[in-house]
Amino acid sequence: GHVGQTYELGGDQAISLADLAAIVGTAAGTTVTYVDLPEAEYATLLEGYGLPAAFVSMLADSDTGIARGHLRTDSGDLARLIGRPTQTVAEVVQVHVDALKAAV
């Protein structure tokens, strides 16, 4: 029944990058701050790390698109396909932070 179907996969909870920084900080027990750089400033920063120009352009453009909501979906397709609600970002981050702490 999936032939020819298109699914928009995303979690049940939409969050911003600032929300993600706060979630990571809470899970890690430290302060994490998201700084939203203008596209040109972000590209300059990436270039400073030695990334190839074409890759820098793609990343900076993608970041701008994400900020405009281009990857946002509230279709519910993923939850329907897996037959349950998706995990929250906080739950997933906590699992990974705990695993990293256990490995150290």
Protein backbone atom coordinates (compact mmCIF):
# COMPACT_ATOMS: atom_id res chain seq x y z
CA GLY A 1 0.00 0.00 0.00
CA HIS A 2 2.99 2.31 -0.01
CA VAL A 3 3.73 2.24 -3.74
CA GLY A 4 3.52 5.74 -5.14
CA GLN A 5 3.03 7.31 -1.71
CA THR A 6 5.06 10.26 -0.45
CA TYR A 7 5.61 10.66 3.26
CA GLU A 8 6.78 13.73 5.14
CA LEU A 9 8.67 12.29 8.09
CA GLY A 10 9.04 14.33 11.24
CA GLY A 11 8.47 14.09 14.93
CA ASP A 12 5.25 15.02 16.64
CA GLN A 13 6.93 17.99 18.34
CA ALA A 14 8.25 20.96 16.38
CA ILE A 15 11.16 22.75 18.03
CA SER A 16 13.48 25.60 17.14
CA LEU A 17 17.26 25.42 17.22
CA ALA A 18 17.16 27.58 20.36
CA ASP A 19 14.83 24.97 21.91
CA LEU A 20 17.28 22.23 20.89
CA ALA A 21 20.17 24.07 22.53
CA ALA A 22 18.19 24.36 25.76
CA ILE A 23 17.24 20.66 25.64
CA VAL A 24 20.88 19.62 25.12
CA GLY A 25 21.98 21.91 27.93
CA THR A 26 19.41 20.48 30.32
CA ALA A 27 20.36 16.90 29.45
CA ALA A 28 24.09 17.64 29.80
CA GLY A 29 23.69 19.73 32.93
CA THR A 30 25.25 22.83 31.40
CA THR A 31 24.24 25.94 29.52
CA VAL A 32 24.10 25.63 25.74
CA THR A 33 23.20 28.72 23.76
CA TYR A 34 22.09 28.88 20.14
CA VAL A 35 23.30 31.92 18.21
CA ASP A 36 21.42 32.56 14.98
CA LEU A 37 23.96 34.04 12.58
CA PRO A 38 23.01 35.85 9.40
CA GLU A 39 23.67 33.66 6.34
CA ALA A 40 26.75 35.62 5.19
CA GLU A 41 28.30 35.60 8.66
CA TYR A 42 27.64 31.86 9.01
CA ALA A 43 29.26 31.26 5.60
CA THR A 44 32.32 33.28 6.63
CA LEU A 45 32.61 31.25 9.83
CA LEU A 46 32.41 27.97 7.91
CA GLU A 47 34.99 29.18 5.40
CA GLY A 48 37.26 29.99 8.33
CA TYR A 49 37.14 26.33 9.30
CA GLY A 50 38.43 25.43 5.84
CA LEU A 51 35.27 24.01 4.32
CA PRO A 52 35.10 24.06 0.50
CA ALA A 53 33.21 27.05 -0.92
CA ALA A 54 30.48 24.95 -2.58
CA PHE A 55 29.82 23.10 0.69
CA VAL A 56 29.78 26.38 2.63
CA SER A 57 27.21 27.81 0.23
CA MET A 58 25.01 24.71 0.52
CA LEU A 59 25.18 24.66 4.33
CA ALA A 60 24.50 28.38 4.73
CA ASP A 61 21.59 28.24 2.30
CA SER A 62 20.18 25.15 4.02
CA ASP A 63 20.42 26.84 7.41
CA THR A 64 18.45 29.81 6.07
CA GLY A 65 15.81 27.48 4.65
CA ILE A 66 15.49 25.59 7.93
CA ALA A 67 15.05 28.90 9.79
CA ARG A 68 12.22 29.73 7.37
CA GLY A 69 10.51 26.43 8.18
CA HIS A 70 11.30 24.57 4.96
CA LEU A 71 11.87 21.26 6.79
CA ARG A 72 8.94 21.62 9.17
CA THR A 73 6.16 19.07 8.83
CA ASP A 74 3.11 18.40 10.92
CA SER A 75 1.84 15.61 8.68
CA GLY A 76 1.86 12.95 11.40
CA ASP A 77 3.09 10.46 8.78
CA LEU A 78 5.94 9.08 10.90
CA ALA A 79 3.72 8.36 13.92
CA ARG A 80 1.16 6.66 11.67
CA LEU A 81 3.83 4.55 9.97
CA ILE A 82 5.43 3.38 13.22
CA GLY A 83 2.08 2.94 14.96
CA ARG A 84 2.83 5.10 17.98
CA PRO A 85 3.68 8.69 18.91
CA THR A 86 7.26 9.69 18.20
CA GLN A 87 9.69 10.24 21.04
CA THR A 88 10.27 13.82 22.07
CA VAL A 89 13.54 15.47 21.19
CA ALA A 90 14.28 15.75 24.92
CA GLU A 91 13.87 11.98 25.35
CA VAL A 92 16.17 11.18 22.43
CA VAL A 93 18.82 13.68 23.50
CA GLN A 94 18.76 12.39 27.09
CA VAL A 95 19.32 8.80 25.94
CA HIS A 96 22.37 9.86 23.94
CA VAL A 97 23.80 12.11 26.64
CA ASP A 98 23.41 9.29 29.18
CA ALA A 99 25.16 6.88 26.80
CA LEU A 100 28.04 9.32 26.33
CA LYS A 101 28.37 9.81 30.09
CA ALA A 102 28.41 6.05 30.62
CA ALA A 103 31.13 5.61 28.00
CA VAL A 104 33.47 8.11 29.68
